[in-house]
């Protein structure tokens, strides 16, 4: 699943904040929930428009970005 299938950035949707494609749910919400110790299942229950497969693909993409040897810290 490519990033375009996972994340949408459009000025007409939530003022351009990155959202899960096909929804108005900010990507940041998923990370906020997980950071607060709320499970992925509970997140999906709260945001029914987010597809589980899509949320997992987003987490996988974020993991790949953050663990890439090409990621610079400065």
N, C-alpha and C. Protein backbone atom coordinates (compact mmCIF):
# COMPACT_ATOMS: atom_id res chain seq x y z
N UNK A 1 0.86 -1.17 0.00
CA UNK A 1 0.00 0.00 0.00
C UNK A 1 0.91 1.23 0.00
N UNK A 2 0.80 2.08 -1.01
CA UNK A 2 1.63 3.28 -1.11
C UNK A 2 1.12 4.39 -0.20
N UNK A 3 1.98 5.36 0.07
CA UNK A 3 1.61 6.47 0.95
C UNK A 3 0.37 7.21 0.48
N UNK A 4 0.18 7.32 -0.84
CA UNK A 4 -1.01 8.00 -1.37
C UNK A 4 -2.29 7.26 -1.00
N UNK A 5 -2.20 5.96 -0.76
CA UNK A 5 -3.36 5.17 -0.36
C UNK A 5 -3.58 5.23 1.15
N UNK A 6 -2.61 5.78 1.87
CA UNK A 6 -2.66 5.80 3.33
C UNK A 6 -2.95 7.21 3.85
N UNK A 7 -2.28 8.20 3.28
CA UNK A 7 -2.36 9.58 3.77
C UNK A 7 -2.81 10.52 2.65
N UNK A 8 -3.71 11.43 3.00
CA UNK A 8 -4.14 12.47 2.08
C UNK A 8 -3.82 13.82 2.71
N UNK A 9 -3.22 14.70 1.91
CA UNK A 9 -2.98 16.08 2.33
C UNK A 9 -3.64 16.97 1.29
N UNK A 10 -4.71 17.63 1.71
CA UNK A 10 -5.52 18.43 0.79
C UNK A 10 -6.07 19.62 1.57
N UNK A 11 -5.86 20.83 1.06
CA UNK A 11 -6.34 22.04 1.75
C UNK A 11 -7.84 22.00 2.02
N UNK A 12 -8.58 21.28 1.18
CA UNK A 12 -10.03 21.21 1.32
C UNK A 12 -10.47 20.22 2.40
N UNK A 13 -9.55 19.40 2.89
CA UNK A 13 -9.87 18.41 3.92
C UNK A 13 -9.07 18.75 5.17
N UNK A 14 -9.77 19.14 6.21
CA UNK A 14 -9.14 19.46 7.50
C UNK A 14 -8.03 20.50 7.36
N UNK A 15 -8.20 21.42 6.43
CA UNK A 15 -7.26 22.53 6.27
C UNK A 15 -5.87 22.11 5.84
N UNK A 16 -5.75 20.92 5.26
CA UNK A 16 -4.46 20.46 4.77
C UNK A 16 -3.68 19.58 5.74
N UNK A 17 -4.26 19.32 6.94
CA UNK A 17 -3.60 18.39 7.86
C UNK A 17 -3.59 17.01 7.24
N UNK A 18 -2.52 16.24 7.42
CA UNK A 18 -2.50 14.87 6.91
C UNK A 18 -3.60 14.04 7.58
N UNK A 19 -4.42 13.39 6.77
CA UNK A 19 -5.49 12.54 7.28
C UNK A 19 -5.38 11.16 6.66
N UNK A 20 -6.02 10.18 7.31
CA UNK A 20 -6.10 8.85 6.73
C UNK A 20 -6.96 8.97 5.47
N UNK A 21 -6.46 8.49 4.37
CA UNK A 21 -7.15 8.61 3.09
C UNK A 21 -8.58 8.08 3.19
N UNK A 22 -9.50 8.87 2.64
CA UNK A 22 -10.91 8.50 2.65
C UNK A 22 -11.64 8.89 3.92
N UNK A 23 -10.93 9.60 4.83
CA UNK A 23 -11.53 10.00 6.09
C UNK A 23 -11.21 11.47 6.36
N UNK A 24 -11.69 11.94 7.51
CA UNK A 24 -11.31 13.26 8.00
C UNK A 24 -10.57 13.09 9.33
N UNK A 25 -9.98 11.91 9.52
CA UNK A 25 -9.28 11.59 10.77
C UNK A 25 -7.80 11.92 10.60
N UNK A 26 -7.32 12.90 11.38
CA UNK A 26 -5.90 13.26 11.27
C UNK A 26 -4.99 12.08 11.62
N UNK A 27 -3.93 11.94 10.86
CA UNK A 27 -2.93 10.90 11.10
C UNK A 27 -2.40 11.02 12.53
N UNK A 28 -2.22 12.24 12.96
CA UNK A 28 -1.71 12.52 14.30
C UNK A 28 -2.56 11.85 15.38
N UNK A 29 -3.85 11.71 15.15
CA UNK A 29 -4.74 11.10 16.14
C UNK A 29 -4.33 9.66 16.45
N UNK A 30 -3.95 8.92 15.43
CA UNK A 30 -3.51 7.54 15.64
C UNK A 30 -2.31 7.50 16.57
N UNK A 31 -1.33 8.35 16.31
CA UNK A 31 -0.13 8.36 17.13
C UNK A 31 -0.44 8.86 18.54
N UNK A 32 -1.33 9.83 18.67
CA UNK A 32 -1.73 10.33 19.99
C UNK A 32 -2.38 9.22 20.81
N UNK A 33 -3.26 8.46 20.20
CA UNK A 33 -3.92 7.36 20.90
C UNK A 33 -2.91 6.32 21.35
N UNK A 34 -2.04 5.91 20.45
CA UNK A 34 -1.06 4.89 20.80
C UNK A 34 -0.11 5.38 21.89
N UNK A 35 0.29 6.63 21.80
CA UNK A 35 1.18 7.22 22.80
C UNK A 35 0.50 7.23 24.18
N UNK A 36 -0.80 7.40 24.19
CA UNK A 36 -1.56 7.43 25.45
C UNK A 36 -1.84 6.02 25.99
N UNK A 37 -1.37 5.00 25.27
CA UNK A 37 -1.56 3.63 25.72
C UNK A 37 -2.86 3.00 25.28
N UNK A 38 -3.54 3.65 24.36
CA UNK A 38 -4.80 3.13 23.84
C UNK A 38 -4.49 2.21 22.67
N UNK A 39 -5.10 1.05 22.66
CA UNK A 39 -4.78 0.05 21.64
C UNK A 39 -5.28 0.45 20.25
N UNK A 40 -4.71 -0.18 19.25
CA UNK A 40 -5.14 0.05 17.87
C UNK A 40 -6.60 -0.34 17.72
N UNK A 41 -7.01 -1.42 18.36
CA UNK A 41 -8.41 -1.85 18.27
C UNK A 41 -9.35 -0.77 18.82
N UNK A 42 -8.97 -0.17 19.94
CA UNK A 42 -9.81 0.89 20.52
C UNK A 42 -9.84 2.12 19.61
N UNK A 43 -8.71 2.43 19.00
CA UNK A 43 -8.67 3.55 18.05
C UNK A 43 -9.65 3.31 16.91
N UNK A 44 -9.59 2.12 16.35
CA UNK A 44 -10.47 1.77 15.22
C UNK A 44 -11.95 1.83 15.65
N UNK A 45 -12.23 1.43 16.88
CA UNK A 45 -13.61 1.49 17.39
C UNK A 45 -14.09 2.95 17.50
N UNK A 46 -13.17 3.85 17.84
CA UNK A 46 -13.53 5.27 17.97
C UNK A 46 -13.65 5.96 16.62
N UNK A 47 -12.86 5.53 15.64
CA UNK A 47 -12.83 6.15 14.31
C UNK A 47 -13.19 5.08 13.27
N UNK A 48 -14.46 4.82 13.16
CA UNK A 48 -14.94 3.73 12.31
C UNK A 48 -14.60 3.90 10.83
N UNK A 49 -14.31 5.13 10.41
CA UNK A 49 -13.98 5.36 9.01
C UNK A 49 -12.55 4.94 8.67
N UNK A 50 -11.72 4.70 9.69
CA UNK A 50 -10.34 4.27 9.46
C UNK A 50 -10.33 2.75 9.35
N UNK A 51 -9.77 2.27 8.26
CA UNK A 51 -9.68 0.84 8.01
C UNK A 51 -8.43 0.30 8.71
N UNK A 52 -8.58 -0.81 9.41
CA UNK A 52 -7.47 -1.41 10.16
C UNK A 52 -6.23 -1.60 9.28
N UNK A 53 -6.42 -2.15 8.09
CA UNK A 53 -5.31 -2.40 7.18
C UNK A 53 -4.58 -1.08 6.87
N UNK A 54 -5.32 -0.02 6.73
CA UNK A 54 -4.75 1.30 6.43
C UNK A 54 -3.94 1.82 7.63
N UNK A 55 -4.47 1.65 8.84
CA UNK A 55 -3.76 2.10 10.05
C UNK A 55 -2.47 1.32 10.22
N UNK A 56 -2.50 0.02 9.99
CA UNK A 56 -1.30 -0.80 10.10
C UNK A 56 -0.28 -0.40 9.04
N UNK A 57 -0.73 -0.12 7.84
CA UNK A 57 0.17 0.32 6.77
C UNK A 57 0.82 1.66 7.14
N UNK A 58 0.07 2.55 7.76
CA UNK A 58 0.61 3.83 8.19
C UNK A 58 1.69 3.63 9.25
N UNK A 59 1.43 2.77 10.21
CA UNK A 59 2.42 2.48 11.25
C UNK A 59 3.66 1.84 10.66
N UNK A 60 3.47 0.95 9.71
CA UNK A 60 4.60 0.31 9.04
C UNK A 60 5.44 1.33 8.28
N UNK A 61 4.77 2.23 7.56
CA UNK A 61 5.49 3.26 6.81
C UNK A 61 6.26 4.18 7.75
N UNK A 62 5.64 4.57 8.86
CA UNK A 62 6.31 5.43 9.84
C UNK A 62 7.53 4.72 10.42
N UNK A 63 7.38 3.44 10.69
CA UNK A 63 8.50 2.66 11.22
C UNK A 63 9.66 2.62 10.22
N UNK A 64 9.34 2.40 8.97
CA UNK A 64 10.39 2.35 7.94
C UNK A 64 11.10 3.69 7.80
N UNK A 65 10.34 4.77 7.88
CA UNK A 65 10.93 6.11 7.78
C UNK A 65 11.85 6.37 8.97
N UNK A 66 11.36 6.05 10.16
CA UNK A 66 12.11 6.37 11.37
C UNK A 66 13.31 5.46 11.59
N UNK A 67 13.32 4.28 11.01
CA UNK A 67 14.44 3.36 11.22
C UNK A 67 15.38 3.30 10.02
N UNK A 68 15.10 4.09 9.00
CA UNK A 68 15.94 4.11 7.81
C UNK A 68 17.31 4.67 8.15
N UNK A 69 18.32 4.06 7.58
CA UNK A 69 19.69 4.56 7.78
C UNK A 69 19.87 5.92 7.13
N UNK A 70 18.96 6.28 6.24
CA UNK A 70 19.06 7.57 5.55
C UNK A 70 18.40 8.70 6.33
N UNK A 71 17.76 8.39 7.46
CA UNK A 71 17.12 9.41 8.27
C UNK A 71 18.20 10.21 8.98
N UNK A 72 18.17 11.52 8.79
CA UNK A 72 19.16 12.39 9.42
C UNK A 72 18.58 13.01 10.68
N UNK A 73 19.39 13.17 11.69
CA UNK A 73 18.91 13.70 12.95
C UNK A 73 19.27 15.16 13.15
N UNK A 74 19.91 15.78 12.20
CA UNK A 74 20.26 17.20 12.39
C UNK A 74 19.83 18.03 11.21
